[in-house]
C-alpha atoms as a PDB file:
ATOM      1  CA  MET A   1      31.654  11.805  10.953  1.00  0.00           C
ATOM      2  CA  ARG A   2      30.883  15.352  12.121  1.00  0.00           C
ATOM      3  CA  ILE A   3      27.180  16.028  11.599  1.00  0.00           C
ATOM      4  CA  ALA A   4      25.118  19.152  12.259  1.00  0.00           C
ATOM      5  CA  PHE A   5      21.442  18.453  12.928  1.00  0.00           C
ATOM      6  CA  ILE A   6      19.031  21.393  12.720  1.00  0.00           C
ATOM      7  CA  GLY A   7      15.506  20.827  14.010  1.00  0.00           C
ATOM      8  CA  LEU A   8      15.228  18.711  17.156  1.00  0.00           C
ATOM      9  CA  GLY A   9      11.454  18.291  17.369  1.00  0.00           C
ATOM     10  CA  HIS A  10       9.352  15.117  17.624  1.00  0.00           C
ATOM     11  CA  MET A  11      11.159  13.547  14.671  1.00  0.00           C
ATOM     12  CA  GLY A  12      14.516  15.314  14.579  1.00  0.00           C
ATOM     13  CA  GLY A  13      15.315  14.833  18.250  1.00  0.00           C
ATOM     14  CA  HIS A  14      15.108  11.053  17.952  1.00  0.00           C
ATOM     15  CA  MET A  15      16.939  11.011  14.620  1.00  0.00           C
ATOM     16  CA  ALA A  16      19.826  13.072  15.994  1.00  0.00           C
ATOM     17  CA  ALA A  17      20.025  10.786  19.036  1.00  0.00           C
ATOM     18  CA  ASN A  18      20.248   7.717  16.793  1.00  0.00           C
ATOM     19  CA  LEU A  19      23.073   9.323  14.831  1.00  0.00           C
ATOM     20  CA  ALA A  20      24.949  10.001  18.079  1.00  0.00           C
ATOM     21  CA  ALA A  21      24.312   6.435  19.253  1.00  0.00           C
ATOM     22  CA  GLY A  22      25.634   5.219  15.889  1.00  0.00           C
ATOM     23  CA  GLY A  23      29.048   6.703  16.603  1.00  0.00           C
ATOM     24  CA  HIS A  24      28.788  10.033  14.793  1.00  0.00           C
ATOM     25  CA  GLU A  25      29.800  13.366  16.332  1.00  0.00           C
ATOM     26  CA  VAL A  26      26.485  15.215  16.302  1.00  0.00           C
ATOM     27  CA  THR A  27      25.953  18.898  17.077  1.00  0.00           C
ATOM     28  CA  GLY A  28      22.314  19.924  17.137  1.00  0.00           C
ATOM     29  CA  PHE A  29      20.345  23.142  17.208  1.00  0.00           C
ATOM     30  CA  ASP A  30      16.710  24.049  17.725  1.00  0.00           C
ATOM     31  CA  PRO A  31      15.301  27.452  18.727  1.00  0.00           C
ATOM     32  CA  VAL A  32      13.283  25.770  21.508  1.00  0.00           C
ATOM     33  CA  ALA A  33      15.396  25.401  24.648  1.00  0.00           C
ATOM     34  CA  GLU A  34      13.480  22.365  25.941  1.00  0.00           C
ATOM     35  CA  LEU A  35      14.197  20.478  22.718  1.00  0.00           C
ATOM     36  CA  ARG A  36      17.890  21.313  22.925  1.00  0.00           C
ATOM     37  CA  GLU A  37      17.964  20.024  26.507  1.00  0.00           C
ATOM     38  CA  ALA A  38      16.173  16.800  25.538  1.00  0.00           C
ATOM     39  CA  ALA A  39      18.651  16.180  22.718  1.00  0.00           C
ATOM     40  CA  ALA A  40      21.596  16.852  25.011  1.00  0.00           C
ATOM     41  CA  ALA A  41      20.292  14.216  27.419  1.00  0.00           C
ATOM     42  CA  LYS A  42      20.462  11.703  24.540  1.00  0.00           C
ATOM     43  CA  GLY A  43      24.098  12.327  23.634  1.00  0.00           C
ATOM     44  CA  VAL A  44      23.776  15.205  21.170  1.00  0.00           C
ATOM     45  CA  SER A  45      26.104  18.187  21.616  1.00  0.00           C
ATOM     46  CA  VAL A  46      24.046  21.371  21.493  1.00  0.00           C
ATOM     47  CA  ALA A  47      24.986  24.641  19.772  1.00  0.00           C
ATOM     48  CA  GLU A  48      23.578  28.070  20.532  1.00  0.00           C
ATOM     49  CA  SER A  49      22.742  28.795  16.898  1.00  0.00           C
ATOM     50  CA  ALA A  50      22.269  27.033  13.579  1.00  0.00           C
ATOM     51  CA  VAL A  51      25.389  28.713  12.237  1.00  0.00           C
ATOM     52  CA  ALA A  52      27.469  27.469  15.172  1.00  0.00           C
ATOM     53  CA  ALA A  53      26.161  23.938  14.641  1.00  0.00           C
ATOM     54  CA  VAL A  54      27.118  23.943  10.957  1.00  0.00           C
ATOM     55  CA  GLU A  55      30.653  25.293  11.333  1.00  0.00           C
ATOM     56  CA  GLY A  56      33.115  22.451  10.729  1.00  0.00           C
ATOM     57  CA  ALA A  57      30.441  19.864   9.931  1.00  0.00           C
ATOM     58  CA  GLU A  58      30.896  17.404   7.074  1.00  0.00           C
ATOM     59  CA  VAL A  59      27.144  16.801   6.772  1.00  0.00           C
ATOM     60  CA  VAL A  60      24.159  18.996   7.673  1.00  0.00           C
ATOM     61  CA  VAL A  61      20.817  17.276   8.331  1.00  0.00           C
ATOM     62  CA  THR A  62      17.621  19.297   8.613  1.00  0.00           C
ATOM     63  CA  SER A  63      14.206  18.295   9.981  1.00  0.00           C
ATOM     64  CA  LEU A  64      12.024  21.396   9.733  1.00  0.00           C
ATOM     65  CA  PRO A  65       8.308  22.295   9.618  1.00  0.00           C
ATOM     66  CA  ASN A  66       8.139  23.276   5.941  1.00  0.00           C
ATOM     67  CA  GLY A  67      10.113  24.295   2.889  1.00  0.00           C
ATOM     68  CA  HIS A  68       9.960  28.031   3.561  1.00  0.00           C
ATOM     69  CA  VAL A  69      11.625  27.536   6.940  1.00  0.00           C
ATOM     70  CA  LEU A  70      14.201  25.320   5.224  1.00  0.00           C
ATOM     71  CA  LEU A  71      15.099  28.003   2.669  1.00  0.00           C
ATOM     72  CA  SER A  72      15.386  30.590   5.439  1.00  0.00           C
ATOM     73  CA  VAL A  73      17.716  28.330   7.448  1.00  0.00           C
ATOM     74  CA  TYR A  74      19.828  27.674   4.336  1.00  0.00           C
ATOM     75  CA  ASP A  75      20.186  31.422   3.730  1.00  0.00           C
ATOM     76  CA  GLU A  76      21.556  31.657   7.272  1.00  0.00           C
ATOM     77  CA  VAL A  77      23.912  28.681   7.364  1.00  0.00           C
ATOM     78  CA  LEU A  78      25.221  28.123   3.830  1.00  0.00           C
ATOM     79  CA  PRO A  79      27.908  30.839   4.090  1.00  0.00           C
ATOM     80  CA  ALA A  80      29.211  29.213   7.304  1.00  0.00           C
ATOM     81  CA  ALA A  81      29.537  25.699   5.883  1.00  0.00           C
ATOM     82  CA  THR A  82      32.816  24.198   4.721  1.00  0.00           C
ATOM     83  CA  ALA A  83      33.044  23.939   0.911  1.00  0.00           C
ATOM     84  CA  GLY A  84      31.500  20.746  -0.417  1.00  0.00           C
ATOM     85  CA  THR A  85      29.365  20.031   2.663  1.00  0.00           C
ATOM     86  CA  LEU A  86      26.578  17.507   2.061  1.00  0.00           C
ATOM     87  CA  PHE A  87      23.144  18.869   3.013  1.00  0.00           C
ATOM     88  CA  ILE A  88      20.452  16.258   3.699  1.00  0.00           C
ATOM     89  CA  ASP A  89      16.911  17.552   4.146  1.00  0.00           C
ATOM     90  CA  THR A  90      14.448  15.173   5.804  1.00  0.00           C
ATOM     91  CA  SER A  91      11.581  17.700   5.945  1.00  0.00           C
ATOM     92  CA  THR A  92       8.472  17.408   3.788  1.00  0.00           C
ATOM     93  CA  THR A  93       8.608  20.409   1.471  1.00  0.00           C
ATOM     94  CA  GLY A  94       7.145  19.393  -1.876  1.00  0.00           C
ATOM     95  CA  ALA A  95       9.193  18.959  -5.040  1.00  0.00           C
ATOM     96  CA  GLU A  96       9.304  22.618  -6.102  1.00  0.00           C
ATOM     97  CA  LEU A  97      10.811  23.844  -2.835  1.00  0.00           C
ATOM     98  CA  ALA A  98      13.218  20.921  -2.851  1.00  0.00           C
ATOM     99  CA  TRP A  99      14.442  22.090  -6.257  1.00  0.00           C
ATOM    100  CA  GLN A 100      14.866  25.620  -4.903  1.00  0.00           C
ATOM    101  CA  ALA A 101      16.811  24.267  -1.933  1.00  0.00           C
ATOM    102  CA  ALA A 102      19.049  22.233  -4.237  1.00  0.00           C
ATOM    103  CA  GLU A 103      19.773  25.324  -6.338  1.00  0.00           C
ATOM    104  CA  LYS A 104      20.709  27.361  -3.259  1.00  0.00           C
ATOM    105  CA  VAL A 105      23.019  24.665  -1.959  1.00  0.00           C
ATOM    106  CA  ASP A 106      24.655  24.115  -5.347  1.00  0.00           C
ATOM    107  CA  ALA A 107      25.203  27.848  -5.878  1.00  0.00           C
ATOM    108  CA  ALA A 108      26.956  28.018  -2.503  1.00  0.00           C
ATOM    109  CA  GLY A 109      29.380  25.253  -3.511  1.00  0.00           C
ATOM    110  CA  HIS A 110      27.799  22.394  -1.561  1.00  0.00           C
ATOM    111  CA  ARG A 111      25.845  19.174  -2.277  1.00  0.00           C
ATOM    112  CA  PHE A 112      22.155  18.416  -1.579  1.00  0.00           C
ATOM    113  CA  ILE A 113      19.749  15.503  -1.366  1.00  0.00           C
ATOM    114  CA  ASP A 114      16.090  15.563  -0.359  1.00  0.00           C
ATOM    115  CA  ALA A 115      15.324  12.659   1.966  1.00  0.00           C
ATOM    116  CA  PRO A 116      11.823  12.875   3.474  1.00  0.00           C
ATOM    117  CA  VAL A 117      10.791  10.047   5.756  1.00  0.00           C
ATOM    118  CA  SER A 118       7.907   7.741   6.560  1.00  0.00           C
ATOM    119  CA  GLY A 119       7.422   5.892   9.836  1.00  0.00           C
ATOM    120  CA  GLY A 120       6.361   8.617  12.247  1.00  0.00           C
ATOM    121  CA  VAL A 121       7.680   9.291  15.727  1.00  0.00           C
ATOM    122  CA  VAL A 122       7.779   5.557  16.515  1.00  0.00           C
ATOM    123  CA  GLY A 123      10.039   4.930  13.526  1.00  0.00           C
ATOM    124  CA  ALA A 124      12.206   7.948  14.332  1.00  0.00           C
ATOM    125  CA  GLU A 125      12.769   6.693  17.864  1.00  0.00           C
ATOM    126  CA  ALA A 126      13.400   3.090  16.801  1.00  0.00           C
ATOM    127  CA  GLY A 127      15.675   4.024  13.885  1.00  0.00           C
ATOM    128  CA  THR A 128      13.420   2.243  11.402  1.00  0.00           C
ATOM    129  CA  LEU A 129      12.328   5.121   9.160  1.00  0.00           C
ATOM    130  CA  THR A 130      11.919   4.715   5.421  1.00  0.00           C
ATOM    131  CA  PHE A 131      13.904   7.407   3.592  1.00  0.00           C
ATOM    132  CA  MET A 132      12.761   8.432   0.108  1.00  0.00           C
ATOM    133  CA  VAL A 133      15.840  10.033  -1.419  1.00  0.00           C
ATOM    134  CA  GLY A 134      16.300  12.330  -4.395  1.00  0.00           C
ATOM    135  CA  GLY A 135      19.762  13.272  -5.658  1.00  0.00           C
ATOM    136  CA  SER A 136      22.747  12.130  -7.665  1.00  0.00           C
ATOM    137  CA  ASP A 137      24.129   8.617  -7.284  1.00  0.00           C
ATOM    138  CA  GLU A 138      27.333  10.011  -5.773  1.00  0.00           C
ATOM    139  CA  ASP A 139      25.608  12.189  -3.179  1.00  0.00           C
ATOM    140  CA  VAL A 140      23.164   9.454  -2.182  1.00  0.00           C
ATOM    141  CA  ALA A 141      26.072   7.035  -1.731  1.00  0.00           C
ATOM    142  CA  ALA A 142      27.873   9.603   0.423  1.00  0.00           C
ATOM    143  CA  ALA A 143      24.731  10.017   2.550  1.00  0.00           C
ATOM    144  CA  GLN A 144      24.313   6.287   3.187  1.00  0.00           C
ATOM    145  CA  PRO A 145      26.437   6.099   6.388  1.00  0.00           C
ATOM    146  CA  VAL A 146      24.447   9.017   7.785  1.00  0.00           C
ATOM    147  CA  LEU A 147      21.035   7.617   6.905  1.00  0.00           C
ATOM    148  CA  GLU A 148      21.672   4.055   8.092  1.00  0.00           C
ATOM    149  CA  PRO A 149      21.502   4.679  11.896  1.00  0.00           C
ATOM    150  CA  MET A 150      18.106   6.317  11.385  1.00  0.00           C
ATOM    151  CA  ALA A 151      16.673   3.991   8.755  1.00  0.00           C
ATOM    152  CA  GLY A 152      14.957   0.688   8.260  1.00  0.00           C
ATOM    153  CA  LYS A 153      15.039   1.251   4.500  1.00  0.00           C
ATOM    154  CA  VAL A 154      16.572   3.796   2.116  1.00  0.00           C
ATOM    155  CA  VAL A 155      15.093   4.079  -1.392  1.00  0.00           C
ATOM    156  CA  HIS A 156      16.835   6.172  -4.039  1.00  0.00           C
ATOM    157  CA  CYS A 157      13.909   7.581  -6.022  1.00  0.00           C
ATOM    158  CA  GLY A 158      15.906   9.457  -8.644  1.00  0.00           C
ATOM    159  CA  LYS A 159      16.911  13.081  -9.162  1.00  0.00           C
ATOM    160  CA  SER A 160      16.497  15.937  -6.650  1.00  0.00           C
ATOM    161  CA  GLY A 161      12.834  16.407  -5.796  1.00  0.00           C
ATOM    162  CA  ASN A 162      11.891  12.784  -6.437  1.00  0.00           C
ATOM    163  CA  GLY A 163      12.164  11.973  -2.737  1.00  0.00           C
ATOM    164  CA  GLN A 164       9.528  14.614  -2.091  1.00  0.00           C
ATOM    165  CA  ALA A 165       7.390  13.263  -4.922  1.00  0.00           C
ATOM    166  CA  ALA A 166       7.486   9.779  -3.400  1.00  0.00           C
ATOM    167  CA  LYS A 167       6.656  11.142   0.077  1.00  0.00           C
ATOM    168  CA  LEU A 168       3.586  13.038  -1.132  1.00  0.00           C
ATOM    169  CA  CYS A 169       2.306  10.075  -3.149  1.00  0.00           C
ATOM    170  CA  ASN A 170       2.876   7.801  -0.151  1.00  0.00           C
ATOM    171  CA  ASN A 171       1.038  10.065   2.274  1.00  0.00           C
ATOM    172  CA  LEU A 172      -1.830  10.618  -0.131  1.00  0.00           C
ATOM    173  CA  LEU A 173      -2.305   6.847  -0.284  1.00  0.00           C
ATOM    174  CA  LEU A 174      -1.897   6.569   3.486  1.00  0.00           C
ATOM    175  CA  ALA A 175      -4.561   9.208   4.156  1.00  0.00           C
ATOM    176  CA  ILE A 176      -6.975   7.549   1.738  1.00  0.00           C
ATOM    177  CA  THR A 177      -6.540   4.135   3.373  1.00  0.00           C
ATOM    178  CA  GLN A 178      -6.872   5.608   6.884  1.00  0.00           C
ATOM    179  CA  VAL A 179     -10.202   7.175   5.970  1.00  0.00           C
ATOM    180  CA  GLY A 180     -11.355   3.930   4.353  1.00  0.00           C
ATOM    181  CA  VAL A 181     -10.457   1.920   7.453  1.00  0.00           C
ATOM    182  CA  ALA A 182     -12.236   4.426   9.683  1.00  0.00           C
ATOM    183  CA  GLU A 183     -15.384   4.393   7.542  1.00  0.00           C
ATOM    184  CA  ALA A 184     -15.450   0.595   7.632  1.00  0.00           C
ATOM    185  CA  PHE A 185     -15.241   0.560  11.445  1.00  0.00           C
ATOM    186  CA  VAL A 186     -18.031   3.151  11.707  1.00  0.00           C
ATOM    187  CA  LEU A 187     -20.237   1.130   9.358  1.00  0.00           C
ATOM    188  CA  GLY A 188     -19.478  -1.962  11.429  1.00  0.00           C
ATOM    189  CA  GLU A 189     -20.606  -0.105  14.559  1.00  0.00           C
ATOM    190  CA  GLN A 190     -23.858   0.848  12.848  1.00  0.00           C
ATOM    191  CA  LEU A 191     -24.444  -2.783  11.872  1.00  0.00           C
ATOM    192  CA  GLY A 192     -23.697  -4.156  15.337  1.00  0.00           C
ATOM    193  CA  LEU A 193     -20.206  -5.582  14.733  1.00  0.00           C
ATOM    194  CA  THR A 194     -17.696  -5.404  17.558  1.00  0.00           C
ATOM    195  CA  HIS A 195     -14.398  -3.737  16.756  1.00  0.00           C
ATOM    196  CA  GLN A 196     -12.528  -6.943  17.516  1.00  0.00           C
ATOM    197  CA  ALA A 197     -14.696  -9.087  15.260  1.00  0.00           C
ATOM    198  CA  PHE A 198     -14.283  -6.746  12.327  1.00  0.00           C
ATOM    199  CA  TYR A 199     -10.542  -6.425  12.944  1.00  0.00           C
ATOM    200  CA  ASP A 200     -10.095 -10.195  13.090  1.00  0.00           C
ATOM    201  CA  VAL A 201     -11.718 -10.487   9.660  1.00  0.00           C
ATOM    202  CA  ALA A 202     -10.159  -7.478   7.916  1.00  0.00           C
ATOM    203  CA  SER A 203      -6.639  -7.954   9.280  1.00  0.00           C
ATOM    204  CA  THR A 204      -6.435 -11.443   7.784  1.00  0.00           C
ATOM    205  CA  SER A 205      -8.198 -10.752   4.494  1.00  0.00           C
ATOM    206  CA  ALA A 206      -7.599  -8.737   1.343  1.00  0.00           C
ATOM    207  CA  ALA A 207      -8.456  -5.534   3.252  1.00  0.00           C
ATOM    208  CA  GLN A 208      -5.391  -5.648   5.490  1.00  0.00           C
ATOM    209  CA  CYS A 209      -3.141  -2.551   5.435  1.00  0.00           C
ATOM    210  CA  TRP A 210      -0.917  -0.436   7.702  1.00  0.00           C
ATOM    211  CA  ALA A 211      -3.778   1.899   8.582  1.00  0.00           C
ATOM    212  CA  LEU A 212      -5.619  -1.105   9.999  1.00  0.00           C
ATOM    213  CA  LYS A 213      -2.918  -3.372  11.429  1.00  0.00           C
ATOM    214  CA  THR A 214      -0.624  -0.712  12.936  1.00  0.00           C
ATOM    215  CA  ASN A 215      -2.617   2.519  13.140  1.00  0.00           C
ATOM    216  CA  CYS A 216      -5.991   0.968  13.973  1.00  0.00           C
ATOM    217  CA  PRO A 217      -8.380   3.898  14.632  1.00  0.00           C
ATOM    218  CA  VAL A 218     -10.316   2.229  17.471  1.00  0.00           C
ATOM    219  CA  PRO A 219      -8.951   1.152  20.868  1.00  0.00           C
ATOM    220  CA  GLY A 220      -8.506  -2.524  21.616  1.00  0.00           C
ATOM    221  CA  PRO A 221      -7.494  -4.593  18.594  1.00  0.00           C
ATOM    222  CA  VAL A 222      -3.995  -3.053  18.260  1.00  0.00           C
ATOM    223  CA  PRO A 223      -2.863  -2.030  21.760  1.00  0.00           C
ATOM    224  CA  ALA A 224       0.035   0.128  20.498  1.00  0.00           C
ATOM    225  CA  SER A 225      -2.103   2.272  18.193  1.00  0.00           C
ATOM    226  CA  PRO A 226      -2.739   5.940  19.162  1.00  0.00           C
ATOM    227  CA  ALA A 227      -6.462   5.202  19.550  1.00  0.00           C
ATOM    228  CA  ASN A 228      -5.600   3.544  22.871  1.00  0.00           C
ATOM    229  CA  ARG A 229      -4.123   6.856  24.102  1.00  0.00           C
ATOM    230  CA  ASP A 230      -6.987   9.126  23.028  1.00  0.00           C
ATOM    231  CA  TYR A 231      -5.040   9.657  19.786  1.00  0.00           C
ATOM    232  CA  GLU A 232      -2.075  11.281  21.523  1.00  0.00           C
ATOM    233  CA  GLY A 233       1.270  10.851  19.748  1.00  0.00           C
ATOM    234  CA  GLY A 234       1.695   9.362  16.314  1.00  0.00           C
ATOM    235  CA  PHE A 235       1.517  11.492  13.143  1.00  0.00           C
ATOM    236  CA  ALA A 236      -0.422  14.677  13.857  1.00  0.00           C
ATOM    237  CA  THR A 237      -3.529  15.619  11.880  1.00  0.00           C
ATOM    238  CA  SER A 238      -2.027  19.074  11.251  1.00  0.00           C
ATOM    239  CA  LEU A 239       0.999  17.450   9.579  1.00  0.00           C
ATOM    240  CA  MET A 240      -1.162  15.193   7.441  1.00  0.00           C
ATOM    241  CA  HIS A 241      -3.178  18.238   6.417  1.00  0.00           C
ATOM    242  CA  LYS A 242       0.064  20.002   5.444  1.00  0.00           C
ATOM    243  CA  ASP A 243       1.252  17.032   3.379  1.00  0.00           C
ATOM    244  CA  LEU A 244      -2.112  16.672   1.641  1.00  0.00           C
ATOM    245  CA  THR A 245      -2.113  20.381   0.810  1.00  0.00           C
ATOM    246  CA  LEU A 246       1.267  19.891  -0.858  1.00  0.00           C
ATOM    247  CA  ALA A 247      -0.017  16.780  -2.640  1.00  0.00           C
ATOM    248  CA  MET A 248      -3.078  18.602  -3.945  1.00  0.00           C
ATOM    249  CA  ALA A 249      -0.849  21.384  -5.281  1.00  0.00           C
ATOM    250  CA  GLU A 250       1.069  18.737  -7.232  1.00  0.00           C
ATOM    251  CA  VAL A 251      -2.222  17.188  -8.400  1.00  0.00           C
ATOM    252  CA  ASP A 252      -3.308  20.568  -9.768  1.00  0.00           C
ATOM    253  CA  ARG A 253       0.087  21.122 -11.387  1.00  0.00           C
ATOM    254  CA  ALA A 254      -0.190  17.724 -13.077  1.00  0.00           C
ATOM    255  CA  GLY A 255      -3.709  18.474 -14.318  1.00  0.00           C
ATOM    256  CA  MET A 256      -5.198  15.460 -12.537  1.00  0.00           C
ATOM    257  CA  ASP A 257      -8.741  15.064 -11.254  1.00  0.00           C
ATOM    258  CA  ALA A 258      -7.914  12.885  -8.196  1.00  0.00           C
ATOM    259  CA  GLN A 259     -11.479  12.887  -6.858  1.00  0.00           C
ATOM    260  CA  VAL A 260     -10.821  10.562  -3.911  1.00  0.00           C
ATOM    261  CA  GLY A 261      -7.646  12.397  -2.931  1.00  0.00           C
ATOM    262  CA  LYS A 262      -9.390  15.772  -2.978  1.00  0.00           C
ATOM    263  CA  LEU A 263     -12.245  14.451  -0.826  1.00  0.00           C
ATOM    264  CA  VAL A 264      -9.805  13.035   1.725  1.00  0.00           C
ATOM    265  CA  ALA A 265      -7.786  16.266   1.713  1.00  0.00           C
ATOM    266  CA  ASP A 266     -10.980  18.189   2.478  1.00  0.00           C
ATOM    267  CA  LEU A 267     -11.772  15.824   5.374  1.00  0.00           C
ATOM    268  CA  TYR A 268      -8.351  16.423   6.915  1.00  0.00           C
ATOM    269  CA  ALA A 269      -8.650  20.173   6.358  1.00  0.00           C
ATOM    270  CA  ARG A 270     -11.845  20.064   8.436  1.00  0.00           C
ATOM    271  CA  LEU A 271     -10.261  17.897  11.132  1.00  0.00           C
ATOM    272  CA  SER A 272      -7.241  20.201  11.386  1.00  0.00           C
ATOM    273  CA  GLU A 273      -9.564  22.995  12.523  1.00  0.00           C
ATOM    274  CA  THR A 274     -10.810  20.987  15.518  1.00  0.00           C
ATOM    275  CA  GLU A 275      -9.353  19.890  18.840  1.00  0.00           C
ATOM    276  CA  HIS A 276      -7.858  16.920  16.955  1.00  0.00           C
ATOM    277  CA  ALA A 277      -5.307  19.038  15.061  1.00  0.00           C
ATOM    278  CA  GLY A 278      -2.543  17.817  17.368  1.00  0.00           C
ATOM    279  CA  HIS A 279      -3.839  14.261  17.608  1.00  0.00           C
ATOM    280  CA  ASP A 280      -2.862  11.330  15.417  1.00  0.00           C
ATOM    281  CA  PHE A 281      -4.499  11.470  12.007  1.00  0.00           C
ATOM    282  CA  SER A 282      -6.396   8.238  12.751  1.00  0.00           C
ATOM    283  CA  SER A 283      -8.665  10.482  14.856  1.00  0.00           C
ATOM    284  CA  ILE A 284     -10.462  11.179  11.547  1.00  0.00           C
ATOM    285  CA  ILE A 285     -12.814   8.426  12.742  1.00  0.00           C
ATOM    286  CA  THR A 286     -14.334  10.887  15.228  1.00  0.00           C
ATOM    287  CA  THR A 287     -15.502  13.166  12.410  1.00  0.00           C
ATOM    288  CA  LEU A 288     -16.808  10.246  10.358  1.00  0.00           C
ATOM    289  CA  ARG A 289     -18.641   8.870  13.383  1.00  0.00           C
ATOM    290  CA  ASP A 290     -20.238  12.264  14.076  1.00  0.00           C
ATOM    291  CA  ASP A 291     -21.324  12.517  10.438  1.00  0.00           C
ATOM    292  CA  ALA A 292     -22.845   9.046  10.617  1.00  0.00           C
END
């Protein structure tokens, strides 16, 4: 299948490479030359513009910083796409901008699904991402051969925008649990518990969760966690802050109180203004430790 992939950053570069490794003919574009070169080294053909990448493609996949960039890219490339092209957006945009994107694509005579992901850079590289997909049954079925080389799991969440809804709910829960895990480790430090002792208890009890067993915020117990690399890599604090901002906008639109979510969103807003903005979001433990 001929696939255009626009956005070859930390996530998109690995996803495009997995599509190429899966036997698809992938043409990628990113405005950053270094990212284009990295993708080319992994088997992705590189175009000099987004329009050139899209021409002749059967499917267009996007992995972009936000919904406003997505809409701008669509304004540029939709006229160049072959009629009936399937557009798959894996960015995190929020439901409202996903609806706007779907309307643009439909008006141009094409098809659209929103398919945000969970699993971070590690999942993107390994091809084990979870895709939360919104769109018609027919379009989601058509997207399946494209999603499979990048995915560990694909969940059809319903109509357009529902993929974004699931992503924001998922990341709100993830942020809340990451803060809870970090607070528990800090309290353990104050009470004289070693990190390993607390981990050995919590990881085998009712408190176990991904934020503890995979993204452990202290070095040692989980050697692969970003904490062992001074929080380099992983899912950046700035991206979590962006997702929580989108989630809080949906909370306000729904008329919810969401006291815990708002508190956690405020914590990540603070962290995003520090030197940890580019670090994994588990670095929230540094702020909690300083407060303690």
